[in-house]
Amino acid sequence: MRAEPGRYGAAGRPSSERWRIERLTGANPLWGSNGIAFGPDGRLYVAQYVAGRISAVDLGSGDVEVVVDLDGPVQSPDDLAFGADGSMYITDLTPGRVWRRAPDGAFTLVTDEVAVPNGIACVGDRVFVNEMRPGGRVLEVTPGAEPVVLADGLAMGNAMQLGPDGCLYYPHMLTGEVHRVPLGGGEPELVAEDVHAPVAVRFDRGGVLTVLSRGEEGIVTRIDLFGTGDRAVVPGEVSGMDNAAFDAENRMFVSSFATGGIAELAPDGRAREVVPTGLVGPFGVAVHRSGTVFTGDNYRLASLDDGEVSTRELLVFSHGVAADDRGRVHVTSQFGEVRSYEPDDRELTTRARDLSRPTGVAARADGSLVVAETGAGRVVALSEDDVLTVLAEGFDSPVDVAVDEQDRCFVTDERRGTVALIGGGGIAVVAEGLDAPQGIAALGEELFVVETGRRRLLAIDPATGEQRVEAQDLAVGLPPGTARPQPELFNCGLPGVPVPFAGVAAGADGSLYVSANGEGSVLRLRR
């Protein structure tokens, strides 16, 4: 049976008495796709890092079944492999754990002594993982035995596989190399260099080394290591690839961390969609002066035109988005950066670095930016010449900012449940008692706020504080009755699972756009 799309399924059905609501994009049927492997039942199993779950795909029908949901012990599954007895082994990236899921569904913790475990491979009953960090390691973590280090010094490891020669092959993502190491450990050997953005190493049924690129170009590099030594580079049609698996007929199926979905990739690079792609967030949303809708989609800056989603730029941990009168689009990153983007010439400029989890961003009339620096509990301004000043501080969790027609700045505080006005006299609360307010937009004399705790869109009069429910039953945040830990950092200090952010924006025609991040769509509300 085909599953309901997205995490919300049938529960994500928004309604409004004052607005007509339409989805600009369909709900995402496969909420992100990272590690993939064929299971004993012939289905393709998919680890979904952002979604926190694992699904199985019937390649014939495209049906998706959730087999490990986000309320289980695994927080952030990134890769998986099957052992000889049919057990599924899973790398749990953010908390740094490796799990075994027995054929009967029971979970056992294999180890929590691995930092940022990513790539995983099973060789009979033996289990091997590597670490996605500078100076990472390849380890054997077979259940019942102490972890053994086979190699170290990895420059960001990822998907790996046993080669025909009995060695483990793995990428160094930061250096564009492929290395191998014997199963018993020893000195790693450089196998290939100058490989385009390697993210996954796989061998096809003929023993040809196949390396996937995580880049926008969808490049696949094939190297005949055990024959002629020839190398072929083929541009493909899948952007931001993460992993691959070959079936018994030597067909290659690939996943995309940037867009989700599953595709069959032909030798010439052409892609056949098996499970449709979709938005991995979306988080912040903005309307460009051309009418194009932009969104921060965690791994990319995406745009929506006539229902089609396009990757404008691969930008890791993209969150807040704003458009200004000059035609620029501004993006915040969980890595602490604020960037400005020129859509016409695709020029990207970094404006600020090392902020503490900046989220919402808004443009002022003078060209400056206002940014909610969530991790620091403050709101900052960034001038045209990139001078940073603090506008207000002392918030618990400022999430989004909006600037109205009078150039006044408003901010939502998710933990305090407030909307506040920042002015020369300090901070004035204009609304309180809200349940996890996030996205905010100014339209006319009203503010529109996404109240994620109650899954609704509010209109707020900033002069009186009067509130009105504009839409309800929004698919924002986690589905009702579920919970998921949201660690902000990996156990090695790198940014972790993206913190959900449901944005809202106003268009020139008075329409509103809401990030339905609980199902992977953008909603448009028209009066």
Protein backbone atom coordinates (compact mmCIF):
# COMPACT_ATOMS: atom_id res chain seq x y z
CA MET A 1 0.00 0.00 0.00
CA ARG A 2 1.35 3.43 -0.87
CA ALA A 3 1.98 5.43 2.27
CA GLU A 4 0.51 8.86 2.88
CA PRO A 5 3.10 11.41 1.69
CA GLY A 6 5.18 13.24 4.22
CA ARG A 7 5.38 12.71 7.97
CA TYR A 8 1.95 14.10 8.72
CA GLY A 9 0.02 11.94 6.27
CA ALA A 10 -3.71 12.59 6.43
CA ALA A 11 -3.31 14.77 9.55
CA GLY A 12 -1.71 17.62 7.62
CA ARG A 13 -4.84 19.16 6.10
CA PRO A 14 -4.87 22.94 6.70
CA SER A 15 -8.12 24.90 6.73
CA SER A 16 -9.18 28.55 6.82
CA GLU A 17 -12.42 30.51 6.73
CA ARG A 18 -10.80 33.63 5.28
CA TRP A 19 -8.19 32.28 2.88
CA ARG A 20 -8.01 29.81 0.04
CA ILE A 21 -5.08 27.47 0.74
CA GLU A 22 -3.12 25.63 -1.93
CA ARG A 23 0.10 23.66 -1.92
CA LEU A 24 2.71 25.09 -4.26
CA THR A 25 4.53 21.77 -3.98
CA GLY A 26 3.33 18.32 -3.09
CA ALA A 27 4.09 16.76 0.26
CA ASN A 28 7.40 14.94 0.25
CA PRO A 29 6.84 11.14 0.03
CA LEU A 30 10.41 10.34 1.13
CA TRP A 31 11.62 12.84 3.67
CA GLY A 32 15.24 13.14 2.62
CA SER A 33 17.30 10.17 1.47
CA ASN A 34 20.79 9.31 2.59
CA GLY A 35 22.23 5.82 2.97
CA ILE A 36 20.52 3.12 0.93
CA ALA A 37 20.88 -0.67 0.78
CA PHE A 38 18.89 -3.62 -0.49
CA GLY A 39 17.29 -5.67 2.25
CA PRO A 40 16.69 -9.43 2.38
CA ASP A 41 13.16 -8.85 1.05
CA GLY A 42 14.45 -7.18 -2.13
CA ARG A 43 13.25 -3.72 -1.18
CA LEU A 44 15.55 -0.70 -1.06
CA TYR A 45 15.95 0.58 2.49
CA VAL A 46 16.58 4.30 2.95
CA ALA A 47 18.10 6.06 5.99
CA GLN A 48 16.52 9.50 6.34
CA TYR A 49 18.77 11.68 8.45
CA VAL A 50 16.62 14.83 8.61
CA ALA A 51 13.40 12.86 9.07
CA GLY A 52 14.84 10.63 11.78
CA ARG A 53 13.39 7.48 10.27
CA ILE A 54 14.06 4.59 7.88
CA SER A 55 11.78 3.62 4.99
CA ALA A 56 11.62 0.73 2.55
CA VAL A 57 10.93 1.36 -1.13
CA ASP A 58 9.34 -1.11 -3.56
CA LEU A 59 11.25 -0.27 -6.74
CA GLY A 60 8.55 -1.69 -8.95
CA SER A 61 5.68 0.41 -7.64
CA GLY A 62 7.53 3.23 -5.87
CA ASP A 63 5.57 2.53 -2.70
CA VAL A 64 7.20 3.78 0.49
CA GLU A 65 6.74 2.08 3.86
CA VAL A 66 8.14 3.52 7.10
CA VAL A 67 9.86 0.69 8.99
CA VAL A 68 11.65 2.73 11.70
CA ASP A 69 9.81 5.87 12.77
CA LEU A 70 11.18 8.99 14.42
CA ASP A 71 9.89 8.07 17.87
CA GLY A 72 12.22 5.05 18.06
CA PRO A 73 15.71 4.84 19.57
CA VAL A 74 17.52 6.03 16.43
CA GLN A 75 17.72 9.83 16.28
CA SER A 76 19.47 10.59 13.01
CA PRO A 77 20.03 7.53 10.77
CA ASP A 78 22.51 8.34 8.04
CA ASP A 79 23.62 5.03 6.58
CA LEU A 80 22.67 1.37 6.88
CA ALA A 81 23.81 -2.10 5.86
CA PHE A 82 22.55 -5.66 6.31
CA GLY A 83 24.43 -8.46 8.02
CA ALA A 84 24.50 -12.11 7.05
CA ASP A 85 21.55 -12.94 9.34
CA GLY A 86 19.36 -10.18 7.91
CA SER A 87 19.99 -7.74 10.75
CA MET A 88 20.05 -4.07 9.82
CA TYR A 89 23.01 -2.04 11.13
CA ILE A 90 22.51 1.73 11.33
CA THR A 91 24.82 4.67 11.91
CA ASP A 92 23.13 7.23 14.17
CA LEU A 93 25.06 10.30 13.14
CA THR A 94 24.38 13.05 15.66
CA PRO A 95 24.58 11.23 19.01
CA GLY A 96 27.42 9.04 17.71
CA ARG A 97 25.89 5.58 17.98
CA VAL A 98 25.69 2.40 15.93
CA TRP A 99 22.57 0.24 16.22
CA ARG A 100 21.58 -3.29 15.30
CA ARG A 101 17.97 -3.93 14.36
CA ALA A 102 17.27 -7.65 14.45
CA PRO A 103 14.95 -9.28 11.90
CA ASP A 104 12.20 -9.26 14.56
CA GLY A 105 12.53 -5.47 14.94
CA ALA A 106 14.36 -5.43 18.29
CA PHE A 107 17.09 -2.79 18.71
CA THR A 108 20.49 -3.28 20.35
CA LEU A 109 23.12 -0.58 20.81
CA VAL A 110 26.32 -1.78 19.19
CA THR A 111 28.55 1.10 20.29
CA ASP A 112 28.47 4.74 21.32
CA GLU A 113 32.23 5.18 21.08
CA VAL A 114 32.25 6.55 17.53
CA ALA A 115 32.28 10.26 16.70
CA VAL A 116 29.92 11.17 13.85
CA PRO A 117 29.54 7.63 12.46
CA ASN A 118 28.51 7.74 8.82
CA GLY A 119 29.60 5.09 6.33
CA ILE A 120 28.84 1.49 7.28
CA ALA A 121 29.56 -1.88 5.67
CA CYS A 122 28.87 -5.48 6.64
CA VAL A 123 31.19 -8.30 5.65
CA GLY A 124 29.49 -11.50 6.75
CA ASP A 125 28.98 -11.07 10.50
CA ARG A 126 31.55 -8.28 10.76
CA VAL A 127 30.52 -4.61 10.90
CA PHE A 128 32.65 -1.63 9.91
CA VAL A 129 31.98 2.11 10.17
CA ASN A 130 33.83 5.33 9.46
CA GLU A 131 33.65 8.85 10.88
CA MET A 132 32.53 11.97 9.01
CA ARG A 133 34.99 14.41 10.53
CA PRO A 134 38.50 15.72 9.91
CA GLY A 135 40.90 13.21 11.42
CA GLY A 136 38.23 10.51 11.39
CA ARG A 137 38.68 6.78 11.68
CA VAL A 138 37.63 3.49 10.11
CA LEU A 139 36.62 1.02 12.83
CA GLU A 140 35.36 -2.51 13.17
CA VAL A 141 32.41 -2.50 15.58
CA THR A 142 31.23 -6.09 15.34
CA PRO A 143 28.77 -6.85 18.19
CA GLY A 144 30.31 -8.69 21.09
CA ALA A 145 33.81 -7.35 20.48
CA GLU A 146 35.66 -4.18 21.41
CA PRO A 147 35.86 -1.56 18.63
CA VAL A 148 39.08 -1.86 16.62
CA VAL A 149 40.61 1.03 14.66
CA LEU A 150 41.65 -0.01 11.15
CA ALA A 151 42.74 3.41 9.89
CA ASP A 152 42.71 7.04 10.95
CA GLY A 153 43.36 10.46 9.44
CA LEU A 154 40.21 10.47 7.32
CA ALA A 155 39.31 13.85 5.86
CA MET A 156 35.54 13.37 6.35
CA GLY A 157 34.57 9.77 5.64
CA ASN A 158 31.27 8.64 4.14
CA ALA A 159 29.66 5.73 2.31
CA MET A 160 32.09 2.82 1.89
CA GLN A 161 32.10 -0.73 0.56
CA LEU A 162 34.16 -3.89 0.44
CA GLY A 163 36.07 -4.20 -2.81
CA PRO A 164 36.75 -7.34 -4.89
CA ASP A 165 40.25 -7.45 -3.39
CA GLY A 166 38.97 -7.77 0.19
CA CYS A 167 39.76 -4.17 1.20
CA LEU A 168 37.38 -1.48 2.43
CA TYR A 169 37.14 1.49 0.08
CA TYR A 170 36.05 4.89 1.38
CA PRO A 171 36.14 8.57 0.33
CA HIS A 172 37.95 11.52 1.83
CA MET A 173 35.33 14.15 1.16
CA LEU A 174 37.56 17.13 1.96
CA THR A 175 40.47 16.12 -0.28
CA GLY A 176 38.72 14.52 -3.25
CA GLU A 177 40.36 11.14 -2.74
CA VAL A 178 39.44 7.47 -2.41
CA HIS A 179 41.43 5.25 -0.04
CA ARG A 180 41.37 1.58 0.91
CA VAL A 181 42.46 -0.41 3.94
CA PRO A 182 42.64 -4.18 4.58
CA LEU A 183 40.00 -5.66 6.88
CA GLY A 184 42.70 -6.45 9.38
CA GLY A 185 43.90 -2.85 9.43
CA GLY A 186 47.19 -1.43 8.28
CA GLU A 187 48.47 1.51 6.31
CA PRO A 188 45.69 3.03 4.16
CA GLU A 189 46.44 3.25 0.45
CA LEU A 190 45.45 6.11 -1.83
CA VAL A 191 43.48 4.61 -4.71
CA ALA A 192 42.26 7.67 -6.62
CA GLU A 193 42.75 11.42 -6.35
CA ASP A 194 41.19 14.46 -8.00
CA VAL A 195 37.75 12.85 -7.72
CA HIS A 196 34.92 15.39 -7.88
CA ALA A 197 33.41 15.94 -4.38
CA PRO A 198 33.36 12.21 -3.48
CA VAL A 199 30.59 11.19 -1.09
CA ALA A 200 30.01 7.47 -1.74
CA VAL A 201 32.17 4.61 -2.97
CA ARG A 202 30.44 1.63 -4.59
CA PHE A 203 31.40 -1.31 -6.81
CA ASP A 204 29.07 -2.41 -9.58
CA ARG A 205 28.44 -6.08 -10.36
CA GLY A 206 31.42 -6.08 -12.71
CA GLY A 207 33.81 -4.83 -10.04
CA VAL A 208 34.13 -1.29 -11.44
CA LEU A 209 34.74 1.34 -8.78
CA THR A 210 31.91 3.89 -8.86
CA VAL A 211 32.24 7.17 -6.95
CA LEU A 212 29.31 9.55 -6.49
CA SER A 213 29.71 13.31 -6.21
CA ARG A 214 27.78 15.29 -3.62
CA GLY A 215 27.99 18.36 -5.88
CA GLU A 216 25.32 20.14 -7.84
CA GLU A 217 26.49 18.68 -11.16
CA GLY A 218 25.56 15.08 -10.28
CA ILE A 219 28.91 13.69 -11.44
CA VAL A 220 29.65 9.96 -11.34
CA THR A 221 33.27 8.78 -11.67
CA ARG A 222 33.93 5.20 -12.80
CA ILE A 223 37.38 3.64 -12.47
CA ASP A 224 38.27 0.18 -13.79
CA LEU A 225 40.78 -0.55 -11.02
CA PHE A 226 41.20 -4.26 -11.67
CA GLY A 227 41.21 -4.09 -15.47
CA THR A 228 42.34 -1.32 -17.78
CA GLY A 229 42.64 1.36 -15.11
CA ASP A 230 40.56 3.69 -17.28
CA ARG A 231 38.57 6.49 -15.66
CA ALA A 232 35.27 7.86 -16.99
CA VAL A 233 33.48 10.94 -15.66
CA VAL A 234 29.77 11.23 -16.44
CA PRO A 235 27.59 14.23 -15.46
CA GLY A 236 24.23 13.03 -14.21
CA GLU A 237 20.77 14.41 -13.56
CA VAL A 238 20.69 14.02 -9.75
CA SER A 239 21.98 16.92 -7.68
CA GLY A 240 23.48 16.42 -4.23
CA MET A 241 23.81 12.66 -4.38
CA ASP A 242 24.44 10.79 -1.15
CA ASN A 243 24.53 7.08 -1.79
CA ALA A 244 24.01 4.30 -4.33
CA ALA A 245 23.07 0.64 -4.51
CA PHE A 246 23.30 -1.84 -7.41
CA ASP A 247 20.65 -4.50 -7.90
CA ALA A 248 21.15 -8.00 -9.31
CA GLU A 249 20.78 -6.63 -12.85
CA ASN A 250 23.53 -4.05 -12.20
CA ARG A 251 21.08 -1.14 -12.23
CA MET A 252 22.28 1.73 -10.07
CA PHE A 253 19.84 3.48 -7.75
CA VAL A 254 20.85 6.71 -6.05
CA SER A 255 19.65 8.90 -3.20
CA SER A 256 19.96 12.66 -2.78
CA PHE A 257 20.54 14.35 0.56
CA ALA A 258 19.55 17.66 -1.07
CA THR A 259 16.23 16.72 -2.66
CA GLY A 260 15.23 13.33 -1.27
CA GLY A 261 13.63 10.73 -3.51
CA ILE A 262 15.16 7.73 -5.25
CA ALA A 263 16.24 7.59 -8.90
CA GLU A 264 17.67 4.97 -11.22
CA LEU A 265 20.76 6.45 -12.84
CA ALA A 266 21.66 5.08 -16.26
CA PRO A 267 25.32 4.69 -17.37
CA ASP A 268 24.99 7.86 -19.49
CA GLY A 269 23.76 9.88 -16.49
CA ARG A 270 20.06 9.97 -17.32
CA ALA A 271 17.78 9.61 -14.32
CA ARG A 272 14.49 7.75 -14.01
CA GLU A 273 12.45 8.83 -11.03
CA VAL A 274 11.37 5.99 -8.72
CA VAL A 275 10.28 8.06 -5.71
CA PRO A 276 9.70 11.78 -6.40
CA THR A 277 12.03 14.37 -4.97
CA GLY A 278 10.75 17.14 -2.71
CA LEU A 279 11.64 19.71 -0.10
CA VAL A 280 13.71 18.48 2.84
CA GLY A 281 12.55 21.42 5.01
CA PRO A 282 11.40 23.87 4.04
CA PHE A 283 12.36 26.46 6.64
CA GLY A 284 12.49 30.19 5.82
CA VAL A 285 10.47 31.42 2.85
CA ALA A 286 10.61 34.66 0.85
CA VAL A 287 9.01 36.15 -2.26
CA HIS A 288 11.38 37.71 -4.79
CA ARG A 289 10.32 40.83 -6.67
CA SER A 290 9.96 38.64 -9.78
CA GLY A 291 7.32 36.59 -7.96
CA THR A 292 9.58 33.57 -7.54
CA VAL A 293 9.34 31.95 -4.11
CA PHE A 294 12.64 31.08 -2.41
CA THR A 295 13.08 28.81 0.58
CA GLY A 296 15.92 27.72 2.83
CA ASP A 297 15.76 23.96 2.41
CA ASN A 298 18.44 22.83 4.86
CA TYR A 299 20.97 21.64 2.27
CA ARG A 300 20.16 24.18 -0.40
CA LEU A 301 18.59 27.44 -1.42
CA ALA A 302 15.59 26.34 -3.49
CA SER A 303 13.12 28.19 -5.67
CA LEU A 304 9.53 27.38 -6.63
CA ASP A 305 8.11 28.21 -10.05
CA ASP A 306 4.78 26.82 -11.24
CA GLY A 307 4.99 23.95 -8.79
CA GLU A 308 8.51 22.97 -9.81
CA VAL A 309 11.26 22.99 -7.20
CA SER A 310 14.75 23.96 -8.39
CA THR A 311 18.06 23.90 -6.56
CA ARG A 312 19.58 27.37 -6.90
CA GLU A 313 22.65 26.67 -4.76
CA LEU A 314 23.77 23.87 -2.48
CA LEU A 315 24.14 25.67 0.86
CA VAL A 316 24.45 23.41 3.89
CA PHE A 317 22.11 24.15 6.81
CA SER A 318 20.20 26.96 5.06
CA HIS A 319 17.50 28.30 7.35
CA GLY A 320 16.16 31.85 7.12
CA VAL A 321 15.51 33.60 3.79
CA ALA A 322 14.60 37.18 2.90
CA ALA A 323 14.31 39.15 -0.34
CA ASP A 324 14.96 42.87 -0.72
CA ASP A 325 13.89 45.58 -3.18
CA ARG A 326 17.16 45.28 -5.11
CA GLY A 327 16.41 41.69 -6.10
CA ARG A 328 18.86 40.06 -3.71
CA VAL A 329 18.03 37.01 -1.60
CA HIS A 330 19.58 36.72 1.85
CA VAL A 331 20.15 33.38 3.59
CA THR A 332 21.20 32.36 7.09
CA SER A 333 22.98 29.12 7.91
CA GLN A 334 23.10 27.00 11.03
CA PHE A 335 26.88 27.11 10.52
CA GLY A 336 26.67 30.76 11.66
CA GLU A 337 26.79 32.57 8.33
CA VAL A 338 24.69 35.21 6.61
CA ARG A 339 24.95 35.28 2.82
CA SER A 340 23.52 37.45 0.05
CA TYR A 341 22.66 35.92 -3.31
CA GLU A 342 22.13 37.53 -6.73
CA PRO A 343 19.74 35.15 -8.55
CA ASP A 344 20.47 36.49 -12.06
CA ASP A 345 24.24 35.94 -12.03
CA ARG A 346 24.30 33.37 -9.19
CA GLU A 347 26.76 35.46 -7.21
CA LEU A 348 26.98 34.48 -3.55
CA THR A 349 28.59 36.76 -0.95
CA THR A 350 29.26 35.89 2.68
CA ARG A 351 28.28 38.88 4.82
CA ALA A 352 28.82 37.56 8.36
CA ARG A 353 30.38 34.52 10.02
CA ASP A 354 30.50 32.86 13.42
CA LEU A 355 27.05 33.90 14.59
CA SER A 356 25.32 31.56 17.03
CA ARG A 357 22.65 29.73 15.04
CA PRO A 358 21.18 32.66 13.08
CA THR A 359 17.65 31.87 11.93
CA GLY A 360 15.21 34.51 10.68
CA VAL A 361 16.38 37.40 8.52
CA ALA A 362 14.61 40.51 7.17
CA ALA A 363 15.66 43.40 4.90
CA ARG A 364 15.18 47.06 5.88
CA ALA A 365 14.54 50.00 3.57
CA ASP A 366 18.14 51.25 3.84
CA GLY A 367 19.49 47.91 2.58
CA SER A 368 20.62 46.64 5.97
CA LEU A 369 19.59 43.26 7.34
CA VAL A 370 18.06 42.27 10.66
CA VAL A 371 18.91 38.78 11.92
CA ALA A 372 17.53 36.72 14.79
CA GLU A 373 20.63 35.16 16.37
CA THR A 374 18.82 32.34 18.11
CA GLY A 375 21.76 30.75 19.90
CA ALA A 376 22.88 34.07 21.42
CA GLY A 377 19.41 35.27 22.42
CA ARG A 378 19.69 38.51 20.52
CA VAL A 379 18.73 40.39 17.36
CA VAL A 380 21.50 41.99 15.31
CA ALA A 381 21.68 44.35 12.35
CA LEU A 382 24.06 43.97 9.42
CA SER A 383 24.78 47.14 7.45
CA GLU A 384 25.40 47.33 3.71
CA ASP A 385 29.13 47.42 4.43
CA ASP A 386 28.81 44.36 6.71
CA VAL A 387 29.16 46.08 10.07
CA LEU A 388 27.38 44.09 12.77
CA THR A 389 25.57 45.83 15.61
CA VAL A 390 23.33 44.50 18.38
CA LEU A 391 19.76 45.82 18.25
CA ALA A 392 18.42 43.95 21.28
CA GLU A 393 19.46 41.09 23.55
CA GLY A 394 18.20 39.10 26.48
CA PHE A 395 15.74 36.93 24.54
CA ASP A 396 15.31 33.25 25.35
CA SER A 397 14.98 31.99 21.79
CA PRO A 398 14.48 34.65 19.11
CA VAL A 399 13.53 32.79 15.95
CA ASP A 400 12.29 35.16 13.26
CA VAL A 401 12.17 38.86 12.49
CA ALA A 402 9.95 41.05 10.33
CA VAL A 403 10.11 44.68 9.23
CA ASP A 404 6.85 46.54 8.57
CA GLU A 405 6.07 49.47 6.25
CA GLN A 406 7.22 51.90 8.93
CA ASP A 407 10.57 50.07 9.13
CA ARG A 408 9.78 48.83 12.63
CA CYS A 409 11.34 45.52 13.64
CA PHE A 410 9.37 42.70 15.29
CA VAL A 411 10.72 39.42 16.65
CA THR A 412 9.23 36.11 17.78
CA ASP A 413 10.59 34.39 20.87
CA GLU A 414 9.73 30.70 20.68
CA ARG A 415 10.39 29.82 24.33
CA ARG A 416 8.76 32.88 25.86
CA GLY A 417 5.79 32.64 23.51
CA THR A 418 5.94 36.32 22.63
CA VAL A 419 6.06 38.75 19.75
CA ALA A 420 8.01 41.90 20.56
CA LEU A 421 8.73 45.28 18.97
CA ILE A 422 12.34 46.42 19.02
CA GLY A 423 12.67 50.19 19.19
CA GLY A 424 14.78 53.00 20.54
CA GLY A 425 13.12 52.59 23.91
CA GLY A 426 13.99 48.92 24.17
CA ILE A 427 11.78 45.85 23.78
CA ALA A 428 8.00 46.11 23.95
CA VAL A 429 5.91 42.91 23.99
CA VAL A 430 2.95 43.20 21.62
CA ALA A 431 1.63 39.63 22.03
CA GLU A 432 2.20 36.91 24.62
CA GLY A 433 0.86 33.53 25.63
CA LEU A 434 1.64 32.02 22.24
CA ASP A 435 2.73 28.39 21.89
CA ALA A 436 6.11 28.25 20.12
CA PRO A 437 5.78 31.17 17.67
CA GLN A 438 8.30 30.98 14.83
CA GLY A 439 7.83 32.59 11.42
CA ILE A 440 6.62 36.20 11.28
CA ALA A 441 5.71 38.53 8.41
CA ALA A 442 4.29 42.06 8.20
CA LEU A 443 1.44 42.76 5.79
CA GLY A 444 -0.33 46.11 5.88
CA GLU A 445 -0.95 47.01 9.51
CA GLU A 446 -0.94 43.41 10.75
CA LEU A 447 1.61 40.81 11.70
CA PHE A 448 1.19 37.18 10.67
CA VAL A 449 2.79 34.58 12.93
CA VAL A 450 3.14 30.81 12.62
CA GLU A 451 2.24 29.42 16.04
CA THR A 452 3.78 25.99 15.66
CA GLY A 453 2.70 24.67 19.07
CA ARG A 454 -0.95 24.98 18.08
CA ARG A 455 -0.28 24.45 14.35
CA ARG A 456 -1.97 27.63 13.23
CA LEU A 457 -1.39 31.00 11.57
CA LEU A 458 -2.31 34.08 13.59
CA ALA A 459 -2.98 37.67 12.59
CA ILE A 460 -1.87 40.11 15.29
CA ASP A 461 -2.59 43.82 15.58
CA PRO A 462 0.69 45.24 16.96
CA ALA A 463 -1.11 48.33 18.31
CA THR A 464 -3.65 46.46 20.44
CA GLY A 465 -2.29 42.91 20.63
CA GLU A 466 -5.60 41.58 19.29
CA GLN A 467 -5.24 38.13 17.73
CA ARG A 468 -7.22 36.30 15.05
CA VAL A 469 -6.78 32.73 13.77
CA GLU A 470 -6.25 32.82 10.01
CA ALA A 471 -5.48 29.13 9.33
CA GLN A 472 -5.31 25.98 11.41
CA ASP A 473 -4.19 22.34 11.25
CA LEU A 474 -0.95 23.36 9.56
CA ALA A 475 1.64 20.63 8.98
CA VAL A 476 4.40 22.41 10.91
CA GLY A 477 6.87 20.87 13.31
CA LEU A 478 6.58 17.26 14.40
CA PRO A 479 3.29 15.37 14.02
CA PRO A 480 1.02 15.37 17.09
CA GLY A 481 2.02 12.84 19.72
CA THR A 482 5.62 12.46 18.57
CA ALA A 483 8.85 13.76 20.04
CA ARG A 484 12.40 13.86 18.80
CA PRO A 485 15.56 15.08 20.51
CA GLN A 486 17.04 18.08 18.73
CA PRO A 487 20.76 18.16 19.58
CA GLU A 488 22.28 21.35 18.23
CA LEU A 489 25.75 19.83 17.89
CA PHE A 490 27.29 16.54 16.87
CA ASN A 491 29.29 14.85 19.61
CA CYS A 492 32.41 16.32 17.94
CA GLY A 493 31.12 19.90 18.04
CA LEU A 494 29.80 20.28 14.47
CA PRO A 495 26.21 21.48 13.83
CA GLY A 496 23.75 18.64 14.24
CA VAL A 497 20.14 17.86 13.32
CA PRO A 498 18.53 20.99 11.81
CA VAL A 499 16.21 22.75 14.23
CA PRO A 500 12.78 23.04 12.59
CA PHE A 501 11.73 26.52 11.54
CA ALA A 502 8.32 27.26 9.96
CA GLY A 503 8.62 30.55 8.07
CA VAL A 504 5.98 32.85 6.60
CA ALA A 505 6.26 35.57 3.96
CA ALA A 506 3.95 38.07 2.27
CA GLY A 507 3.78 38.57 -1.49
CA ALA A 508 3.20 41.84 -3.34
CA ASP A 509 -0.38 40.78 -4.14
CA GLY A 510 -1.24 40.23 -0.46
CA SER A 511 -0.82 36.45 -0.57
CA LEU A 512 0.87 34.66 2.30
CA TYR A 513 3.35 31.80 1.98
CA VAL A 514 3.93 29.33 4.81
CA SER A 515 6.64 26.68 5.18
CA ALA A 516 4.77 23.47 5.99
CA ASN A 517 7.94 21.81 7.22
CA GLY A 518 6.01 18.93 8.75
CA GLU A 519 5.22 17.54 5.29
CA GLY A 520 7.78 19.16 3.00
CA SER A 521 5.62 21.67 1.14
CA VAL A 522 5.00 25.41 0.79
CA LEU A 523 1.45 26.70 1.23
CA ARG A 524 0.03 29.78 -0.50
CA LEU A 525 -2.89 31.56 1.16
CA ARG A 526 -5.03 33.88 -0.94
CA ARG A 527 -7.93 35.92 0.37
